[in-house]
Amino acid sequence: MSALSTNTLPDETEVLVVGGGPAGALLGCLLARRGVDVVVVEKQADLEREFRGESLAGPSVVTLGKLGFGPALREHGYLETSGINMRMEGRTVFQIDYRRFPLGALPIDIPQPALIGIFHAAAATFPNHAYVPGTAFSSLIEEDGEVRGAVLKRKDGSRAQIRARLVVGADGRFSKVRKAANLAADIQPMERDFLSFKLPRPAHWGDAAELVAVADKHVLVVPTFPDFLRIGHNLPKRGLGDLRAQGFEAFREGIAAIDPRLGPLMRENLNSWDDTSFLEIFTAQVPQWSRDGLVLIGDASHTCTPILGQGVNLAIQDVVCATPVIAQALAETKGSVPAARFADFEQTRRAHKTLVVKHQRMQERALAKTSAVALAVRRTRYRLLNSLPNKYRMLDKVINAQHSIDPVDLRAANQQAATVA
């Protein structure tokens, strides 16, 4: 496939990736590196929109460094997060210093458009890669029970067909590819939803994230590149209407009651509901991730919640594990890639994501306590964990379990085919 402009769609390709977020952009780049013909389509015409997940965990930073993206990340710039502090009912109960882990890399905060742009820029050096923004997924092309490509809708309303040996659904938690493929999702709503906003970061503010909880209300405060604080606040399920009915000033004062430091910042910089962003919280487990000619990755395959900021990190892990599977299947089969080729990938990644969701639900239950006795028990548990002499060794095992990538997968994903210049 010859080099393509961002406005050109070929009639066919080996792999069509639907969704140009972190998962789709990285997968397109790594496949192109291996000499695979790949087209990545994205419904948005540009990346100038609000993203919520901008934090990369330390293991993801290490992974991207091994994949060769370290220089580009440093050139753009990012904010390293030194740790996390937890305060409950006005008392510090738990602290983590990320610098004490043996990983050798801290979590970083980088705008997601910049991260996606880094992946696209690297991929653009390969003539077998095309990125086509402003192009939405419409439907699948199916023949004899196999997926053979997709019908796409351009920004001007015109439609185009592109045939592919494999369609990858990387189009997020509300995946249209998943729905078109009749791959059912078990949607499980969480008890609470989330409202987020950004504030300028004061010069004296540190570089550690903070979770501040008062009973069943909490705010998560994350230092954000280059000089902001990203604030997340929980609210009851379907409670946004009631919150709005109380008025914007009541909302600001409610946040200030949880963390008084934020009061002056909000009164000066947060002026209306337009300055906030709402996110419905749910998990979606998909029993089957693939069909002949199609596979799902990222949130499309198994949606986690924003708790502990796992989305982008799980997407990176999916891509690293899927890349060698896809490349090998393309080389060893003809026609549509058989779903059976993804059996081991699905089993491994599903087990991993199920573990992550389990930890997220444990955290959610802990933050939803209301009675005086339950709150006292909650504080005591976190204090005991904080005082354990082997705290960092224990937490290191948890982090590794949630961010584990087989070194074989990483080496294979980073491999460049000898035929690629």
Protein backbone atom coordinates (compact mmCIF):
# COMPACT_ATOMS: atom_id res chain seq x y z
CA MET A 1 0.00 0.00 0.00
CA SER A 2 1.50 3.33 -0.99
CA ALA A 3 1.68 6.35 1.28
CA LEU A 4 -1.75 7.90 1.80
CA SER A 5 -2.89 11.41 2.66
CA THR A 6 -5.20 11.87 5.64
CA ASN A 7 -8.13 12.36 3.25
CA THR A 8 -7.64 9.20 1.22
CA LEU A 9 -9.20 5.81 1.85
CA PRO A 10 -7.96 2.77 -0.07
CA ASP A 11 -10.37 0.14 -1.34
CA GLU A 12 -8.67 -2.53 0.76
CA THR A 13 -6.05 -3.09 3.42
CA GLU A 14 -4.82 -5.86 5.68
CA VAL A 15 -6.02 -4.30 8.94
CA LEU A 16 -8.65 -1.62 9.45
CA VAL A 17 -8.56 -0.06 12.92
CA VAL A 18 -11.73 1.79 13.91
CA GLY A 19 -10.93 4.39 16.55
CA GLY A 20 -7.91 6.67 16.68
CA GLY A 21 -7.55 6.97 20.45
CA PRO A 22 -4.51 5.64 22.33
CA ALA A 23 -5.31 1.98 21.59
CA GLY A 24 -6.02 2.45 17.88
CA ALA A 25 -3.17 4.88 17.28
CA LEU A 26 -0.58 2.69 19.02
CA LEU A 27 -1.80 -0.49 17.32
CA GLY A 28 -1.64 1.18 13.90
CA CYS A 29 1.92 2.27 14.56
CA LEU A 30 3.17 -1.09 15.85
CA LEU A 31 1.55 -3.03 13.01
CA ALA A 32 2.98 -0.67 10.41
CA ARG A 33 6.38 -1.15 12.01
CA ARG A 34 6.09 -4.84 11.25
CA GLY A 35 5.25 -4.22 7.61
CA VAL A 36 1.48 -4.73 7.91
CA ASP A 37 -0.75 -2.58 5.71
CA VAL A 38 -2.98 -0.72 8.16
CA VAL A 39 -5.59 2.02 8.00
CA VAL A 40 -6.71 3.83 11.18
CA VAL A 41 -9.98 5.79 10.96
CA GLU A 42 -11.24 8.23 13.57
CA LYS A 43 -14.63 9.94 13.59
CA GLN A 44 -13.26 13.19 15.05
CA ALA A 45 -11.67 15.53 12.56
CA ASP A 46 -9.02 16.61 15.09
CA LEU A 47 -7.86 15.89 18.62
CA GLU A 48 -8.95 19.22 20.10
CA ARG A 49 -11.48 17.79 22.52
CA GLU A 50 -11.62 17.02 26.22
CA PHE A 51 -9.97 13.78 27.35
CA ARG A 52 -10.31 12.49 30.89
CA GLY A 53 -7.56 9.86 31.02
CA GLU A 54 -4.19 11.57 30.87
CA SER A 55 -2.22 9.60 33.46
CA LEU A 56 0.19 6.86 32.45
CA ALA A 57 1.18 4.42 35.19
CA GLY A 58 4.86 3.74 35.76
CA PRO A 59 4.77 0.33 34.01
CA SER A 60 3.17 1.98 30.95
CA VAL A 61 5.95 4.57 30.90
CA VAL A 62 8.50 1.74 30.94
CA THR A 63 6.64 -0.07 28.15
CA LEU A 64 6.47 3.01 25.91
CA GLY A 65 10.15 3.63 26.54
CA LYS A 66 11.03 0.11 25.42
CA LEU A 67 8.87 0.63 22.34
CA GLY A 68 10.99 3.65 21.40
CA PHE A 69 8.63 6.49 22.34
CA GLY A 70 10.71 7.85 25.22
CA PRO A 71 12.45 10.64 23.25
CA ALA A 72 9.17 11.91 21.80
CA LEU A 73 7.55 11.93 25.24
CA ARG A 74 10.45 13.90 26.70
CA GLU A 75 10.45 16.31 23.76
CA HIS A 76 6.81 17.15 24.36
CA GLY A 77 7.16 17.27 28.11
CA TYR A 78 5.10 15.73 30.89
CA LEU A 79 4.55 15.93 34.63
CA GLU A 80 5.87 13.17 36.85
CA THR A 81 3.60 12.18 39.74
CA SER A 82 5.64 11.44 42.85
CA GLY A 83 2.98 9.64 44.87
CA ILE A 84 -0.54 9.64 46.24
CA ASN A 85 -1.87 10.81 49.60
CA MET A 86 -5.23 9.83 51.08
CA ARG A 87 -7.09 11.96 53.61
CA MET A 88 -10.35 10.83 55.17
CA GLU A 89 -12.51 12.98 57.44
CA GLY A 90 -9.61 15.42 57.77
CA ARG A 91 -6.97 12.84 58.72
CA THR A 92 -4.12 11.47 56.63
CA VAL A 93 -4.56 7.70 56.50
CA PHE A 94 -2.40 6.47 53.64
CA GLN A 95 0.60 7.63 51.62
CA ILE A 96 2.55 6.15 48.74
CA ASP A 97 5.88 7.47 47.45
CA TYR A 98 6.23 6.12 43.91
CA ARG A 99 9.97 6.76 44.05
CA ARG A 100 10.32 3.84 46.47
CA PHE A 101 9.24 1.25 43.91
CA PRO A 102 11.98 -0.59 41.99
CA LEU A 103 10.40 0.11 38.61
CA GLY A 104 12.69 2.99 37.68
CA ALA A 105 9.91 5.18 36.26
CA LEU A 106 7.26 7.38 37.83
CA PRO A 107 3.69 7.74 36.59
CA ILE A 108 3.40 10.70 34.24
CA ASP A 109 0.65 13.05 33.19
CA ILE A 110 0.62 14.03 29.51
CA PRO A 111 -2.32 15.37 27.48
CA GLN A 112 -3.91 12.49 25.62
CA PRO A 113 -4.01 14.39 22.30
CA ALA A 114 -0.24 14.74 22.58
CA LEU A 115 0.22 11.04 23.31
CA ILE A 116 -1.98 10.08 20.36
CA GLY A 117 -0.10 12.56 18.19
CA ILE A 118 3.20 10.93 19.13
CA PHE A 119 1.91 7.54 18.00
CA HIS A 120 0.53 8.95 14.74
CA ALA A 121 3.74 10.85 14.01
CA ALA A 122 5.80 7.69 14.41
CA ALA A 123 3.40 5.72 12.23
CA ALA A 124 3.44 8.38 9.50
CA THR A 125 7.03 7.46 8.67
CA PHE A 126 5.82 4.13 7.26
CA PRO A 127 4.32 4.08 3.74
CA ASN A 128 2.06 1.16 4.69
CA HIS A 129 0.17 3.23 7.29
CA ALA A 130 -2.74 5.63 6.78
CA TYR A 131 -4.56 7.73 9.34
CA VAL A 132 -7.91 9.08 8.18
CA PRO A 133 -9.65 11.45 10.64
CA GLY A 134 -13.17 12.77 10.16
CA THR A 135 -14.32 9.29 9.13
CA ALA A 136 -16.93 7.42 11.18
CA PHE A 137 -17.78 3.74 11.28
CA SER A 138 -21.19 2.94 9.78
CA SER A 139 -21.53 -0.84 9.38
CA LEU A 140 -19.61 -4.06 8.80
CA ILE A 141 -19.17 -5.85 5.51
CA GLU A 142 -20.04 -9.49 6.13
CA GLU A 143 -19.88 -12.47 3.76
CA ASP A 144 -20.43 -16.12 4.63
CA GLY A 145 -20.46 -15.32 8.33
CA GLU A 146 -17.08 -13.56 8.21
CA VAL A 147 -16.28 -9.88 8.60
CA ARG A 148 -14.62 -8.66 5.42
CA GLY A 149 -14.35 -4.92 6.05
CA ALA A 150 -16.50 -1.92 6.89
CA VAL A 151 -18.65 0.84 5.47
CA LEU A 152 -17.42 4.25 6.58
CA LYS A 153 -19.03 7.68 6.58
CA ARG A 154 -16.92 10.69 5.65
CA LYS A 155 -17.30 14.14 7.15
CA ASP A 156 -19.15 15.37 4.03
CA GLY A 157 -21.75 12.62 4.46
CA SER A 158 -20.52 10.40 1.64
CA ARG A 159 -19.88 6.72 2.28
CA ALA A 160 -17.01 4.45 1.33
CA GLN A 161 -16.30 0.76 1.64
CA ILE A 162 -12.94 -0.64 2.66
CA ARG A 163 -12.25 -4.35 2.64
CA ALA A 164 -9.85 -5.77 5.22
CA ARG A 165 -8.62 -9.12 6.44
CA LEU A 166 -9.15 -7.88 9.98
CA VAL A 167 -11.30 -5.11 11.46
CA VAL A 168 -10.19 -3.98 14.93
CA GLY A 169 -12.79 -2.29 17.12
CA ALA A 170 -10.85 0.25 19.18
CA ASP A 171 -13.75 2.68 19.44
CA GLY A 172 -14.21 2.86 23.19
CA ARG A 173 -16.77 2.13 25.86
CA PHE A 174 -19.78 2.77 23.59
CA SER A 175 -18.26 0.76 20.72
CA LYS A 176 -20.34 0.80 17.52
CA VAL A 177 -18.15 -1.95 16.08
CA ARG A 178 -19.03 -4.18 19.03
CA LYS A 179 -22.72 -3.53 18.52
CA ALA A 180 -22.57 -4.09 14.74
CA ALA A 181 -20.78 -7.41 15.31
CA ASN A 182 -23.53 -8.56 17.70
CA LEU A 183 -21.01 -9.10 20.48
CA ALA A 184 -23.15 -8.60 23.56
CA ALA A 185 -21.86 -6.63 26.52
CA ASP A 186 -22.91 -7.20 30.13
CA ILE A 187 -23.30 -3.59 31.36
CA GLN A 188 -23.02 -3.21 35.12
CA PRO A 189 -23.61 0.35 36.39
CA MET A 190 -21.68 1.52 39.42
CA GLU A 191 -23.54 3.17 42.27
CA ARG A 192 -22.06 6.58 41.51
CA ASP A 193 -21.11 8.77 38.56
CA PHE A 194 -18.32 11.30 38.13
CA LEU A 195 -17.94 15.01 37.44
CA SER A 196 -14.54 16.43 36.55
CA PHE A 197 -12.98 19.84 35.92
CA LYS A 198 -9.61 21.55 35.78
CA LEU A 199 -8.16 24.39 37.83
CA PRO A 200 -4.87 26.30 37.59
CA ARG A 201 -2.26 24.67 39.81
CA PRO A 202 -0.82 27.01 42.45
CA ALA A 203 2.95 27.36 42.41
CA HIS A 204 3.29 25.86 45.90
CA TRP A 205 1.22 22.76 45.07
CA GLY A 206 3.15 19.51 45.13
CA ASP A 207 3.34 16.82 42.45
CA ALA A 208 1.52 14.05 44.33
CA ALA A 209 -2.05 13.03 43.61
CA GLU A 210 -4.51 13.28 46.49
CA LEU A 211 -7.73 11.52 47.39
CA VAL A 212 -9.75 13.52 49.91
CA ALA A 213 -12.86 11.82 51.32
CA VAL A 214 -15.53 12.89 53.78
CA ALA A 215 -17.93 10.00 54.39
CA ASP A 216 -19.24 8.92 50.97
CA LYS A 217 -18.17 12.09 49.18
CA HIS A 218 -14.69 12.49 47.76
CA VAL A 219 -12.54 14.47 45.38
CA LEU A 220 -9.51 13.19 43.53
CA VAL A 221 -6.93 15.89 42.86
CA VAL A 222 -4.30 15.08 40.23
CA PRO A 223 -1.50 17.49 39.20
CA THR A 224 -1.75 17.77 35.43
CA PHE A 225 0.66 18.88 32.70
CA PRO A 226 1.66 21.61 32.30
CA ASP A 227 0.21 23.61 35.22
CA PHE A 228 -3.28 22.42 36.11
CA LEU A 229 -5.07 20.36 38.72
CA ARG A 230 -7.54 17.78 37.40
CA ILE A 231 -10.37 17.32 39.89
CA GLY A 232 -12.76 14.39 39.95
CA HIS A 233 -15.85 14.39 42.17
CA ASN A 234 -18.30 11.54 42.76
CA LEU A 235 -22.08 12.03 42.73
CA PRO A 236 -25.01 9.66 43.17
CA LYS A 237 -26.12 7.61 40.18
CA ARG A 238 -28.32 9.75 37.95
CA GLY A 239 -27.78 12.55 40.46
CA LEU A 240 -26.54 15.22 38.05
CA GLY A 241 -30.03 16.70 37.66
CA ASP A 242 -30.46 17.07 41.42
CA LEU A 243 -26.98 18.57 41.71
CA ARG A 244 -27.75 21.15 39.01
CA ALA A 245 -31.07 21.96 40.65
CA GLN A 246 -29.22 22.99 43.81
CA GLY A 247 -27.29 25.58 41.80
CA PHE A 248 -23.68 26.00 40.72
CA GLU A 249 -22.68 27.92 43.83
CA ALA A 250 -23.90 25.07 46.03
CA PHE A 251 -21.81 22.67 43.94
CA ARG A 252 -18.67 24.76 44.43
CA GLU A 253 -19.28 25.07 48.15
CA GLY A 254 -19.86 21.32 48.38
CA ILE A 255 -16.42 20.66 46.88
CA ALA A 256 -14.84 23.24 49.18
CA ALA A 257 -16.40 21.50 52.17
CA ILE A 258 -14.53 18.33 51.21
CA ASP A 259 -11.23 20.08 50.42
CA PRO A 260 -11.14 23.72 51.59
CA ARG A 261 -7.95 24.41 49.60
CA LEU A 262 -10.00 24.23 46.41
CA GLY A 263 -12.56 26.85 47.48
CA PRO A 264 -10.67 30.01 46.40
CA LEU A 265 -9.46 28.35 43.19
CA MET A 266 -12.98 27.37 42.18
CA ARG A 267 -14.52 30.75 43.01
CA GLU A 268 -11.92 32.42 40.81
CA ASN A 269 -11.76 29.97 37.89
CA LEU A 270 -14.86 27.76 37.79
CA ASN A 271 -17.78 29.82 36.53
CA SER A 272 -20.49 27.50 35.17
CA TRP A 273 -21.50 23.91 34.48
CA ASP A 274 -19.83 24.34 31.08
CA ASP A 275 -16.50 24.21 32.91
CA THR A 276 -17.25 20.67 34.09
CA SER A 277 -17.42 17.29 32.34
CA PHE A 278 -19.80 14.46 33.28
CA LEU A 279 -18.90 10.77 33.03
CA GLU A 280 -21.33 7.90 33.57
CA ILE A 281 -19.61 5.10 35.48
CA PHE A 282 -20.17 1.50 34.49
CA THR A 283 -18.29 -1.66 33.61
CA ALA A 284 -18.95 -3.71 30.50
CA GLN A 285 -17.83 -7.31 30.26
CA VAL A 286 -17.94 -8.83 26.78
CA PRO A 287 -17.98 -12.66 26.78
CA GLN A 288 -16.71 -12.84 23.19
CA TRP A 289 -14.16 -10.37 21.83
CA SER A 290 -13.69 -11.70 18.32
CA ARG A 291 -15.31 -13.11 15.21
CA ASP A 292 -13.71 -14.30 12.01
CA GLY A 293 -12.27 -11.08 10.60
CA LEU A 294 -12.81 -8.95 13.71
CA VAL A 295 -11.40 -8.36 17.19
CA LEU A 296 -12.10 -5.83 19.96
CA ILE A 297 -9.45 -4.13 22.11
CA GLY A 298 -9.37 -1.50 24.85
CA ASP A 299 -12.63 -0.30 26.36
CA ALA A 300 -14.55 -1.83 23.45
CA SER A 301 -13.61 -5.30 24.69
CA HIS A 302 -13.94 -4.85 28.44
CA THR A 303 -14.83 -1.46 29.92
CA CYS A 304 -13.34 -0.63 33.31
CA THR A 305 -14.23 2.38 35.44
CA PRO A 306 -12.08 5.53 35.81
CA ILE A 307 -11.18 4.47 39.36
CA LEU A 308 -7.39 4.30 39.70
CA GLY A 309 -7.05 5.62 36.11
CA GLN A 310 -6.70 2.27 34.37
CA GLY A 311 -8.28 2.86 30.94
CA VAL A 312 -5.35 4.11 28.90
CA ASN A 313 -2.95 1.75 30.65
CA LEU A 314 -5.09 -1.30 29.91
CA ALA A 315 -5.40 -0.14 26.30
CA ILE A 316 -1.61 -0.02 25.94
CA GLN A 317 -1.33 -3.53 27.39
CA ASP A 318 -4.00 -4.83 25.00
CA VAL A 319 -2.11 -3.43 22.04
CA VAL A 320 1.25 -4.82 23.10
CA CYS A 321 -0.27 -8.29 23.53
CA ALA A 322 -2.40 -8.15 20.36
CA THR A 323 0.23 -6.88 17.94
CA PRO A 324 2.29 -10.10 17.57
CA VAL A 325 -0.91 -12.19 17.50
CA ILE A 326 -2.31 -10.15 14.61
CA ALA A 327 0.95 -10.06 12.69
CA GLN A 328 1.47 -13.81 12.99
CA ALA A 329 -2.12 -14.58 12.02
CA LEU A 330 -1.85 -12.42 8.91
CA ALA A 331 1.36 -14.18 7.90
CA GLU A 332 0.08 -17.71 8.49
CA THR A 333 -3.49 -17.55 7.19
CA LYS A 334 -5.32 -16.41 4.09
CA GLY A 335 -8.47 -14.32 3.90
CA SER A 336 -10.19 -13.12 7.07
CA VAL A 337 -8.20 -13.75 10.25
CA PRO A 338 -9.93 -16.60 12.13
CA ALA A 339 -11.37 -15.75 15.54
CA ALA A 340 -9.61 -18.83 16.93
CA ARG A 341 -6.29 -17.03 16.55
CA PHE A 342 -7.33 -14.69 19.38
CA ALA A 343 -8.38 -17.34 21.91
CA ASP A 344 -5.26 -17.12 24.09
CA PHE A 345 -5.14 -13.32 23.79
CA GLU A 346 -8.76 -13.05 24.94
CA GLN A 347 -8.32 -15.45 27.84
CA THR A 348 -5.22 -13.70 29.16
CA ARG A 349 -6.49 -10.16 28.77
CA ARG A 350 -9.96 -10.94 30.12
CA ALA A 351 -8.50 -12.47 33.28
CA HIS A 352 -6.29 -9.43 33.71
CA LYS A 353 -9.11 -6.91 33.24
CA THR A 354 -11.38 -8.88 35.56
CA LEU A 355 -8.71 -8.57 38.25
CA VAL A 356 -8.51 -4.81 37.69
CA VAL A 357 -12.30 -4.42 37.92
CA LYS A 358 -12.26 -6.44 41.16
CA HIS A 359 -9.77 -3.98 42.69
CA GLN A 360 -11.83 -1.05 41.39
CA ARG A 361 -15.01 -2.36 42.98
CA MET A 362 -13.20 -2.89 46.28
CA GLN A 363 -12.05 0.74 46.17
CA GLU A 364 -15.55 1.93 45.25
CA ARG A 365 -17.12 0.04 48.16
CA ALA A 366 -14.59 1.55 50.56
CA LEU A 367 -15.40 5.08 49.34
CA ALA A 368 -19.17 4.60 49.65
CA LYS A 369 -19.26 4.14 53.45
CA THR A 370 -21.53 6.45 55.45
CA SER A 371 -22.03 5.24 59.04
CA ALA A 372 -19.71 6.44 61.80
CA VAL A 373 -18.64 2.88 62.60
CA ALA A 374 -17.92 2.04 58.94
CA LEU A 375 -15.91 5.24 58.50
CA ALA A 376 -13.84 4.50 61.60
CA VAL A 377 -13.15 0.98 60.33
CA ARG A 378 -12.21 2.39 56.91
CA ARG A 379 -9.70 4.83 58.38
CA THR A 380 -8.25 2.12 60.62
CA ARG A 381 -7.74 -0.29 57.72
CA TYR A 382 -5.90 2.30 55.62
CA ARG A 383 -3.75 3.34 58.58
CA LEU A 384 -2.82 -0.28 59.30
CA LEU A 385 -1.90 -0.82 55.66
CA ASN A 386 0.11 2.39 55.71
CA SER A 387 2.08 1.24 58.76
CA LEU A 388 3.01 -2.21 57.48
CA PRO A 389 6.81 -2.62 57.20
CA ASN A 390 6.40 -4.53 53.95
CA LYS A 391 3.88 -2.04 52.51
CA TYR A 392 5.87 -1.29 49.36
CA ARG A 393 6.66 -4.91 48.66
CA MET A 394 2.96 -5.76 48.93
CA LEU A 395 1.88 -2.84 46.76
CA ASP A 396 4.56 -3.64 44.19
CA LYS A 397 2.96 -7.06 43.70
CA VAL A 398 -0.45 -5.46 43.24
CA ILE A 399 0.89 -2.96 40.71
CA ASN A 400 2.68 -5.68 38.77
CA ALA A 401 -0.48 -7.79 38.74
CA GLN A 402 -2.48 -4.88 37.31
CA HIS A 403 0.11 -3.88 34.72
CA SER A 404 1.70 -7.17 33.77
CA ILE A 405 2.91 -7.62 30.19
CA ASP A 406 4.78 -10.72 29.14
CA PRO A 407 8.31 -9.68 28.01
CA VAL A 408 7.83 -11.94 24.99
CA ASP A 409 4.81 -9.87 23.96
CA LEU A 410 6.78 -6.65 24.39
CA ARG A 411 9.71 -7.87 22.31
CA ALA A 412 7.40 -9.15 19.60
CA ALA A 413 5.38 -5.93 19.51
CA ASN A 414 8.57 -3.90 19.15
CA GLN A 415 9.99 -6.06 16.37
CA GLN A 416 10.32 -4.44 12.95
CA ALA A 417 9.98 -6.63 9.90
CA ALA A 418 13.20 -6.81 7.92
CA THR A 419 11.41 -5.57 4.84
CA VAL A 420 10.46 -2.25 6.45
CA ALA A 421 12.96 0.47 5.67
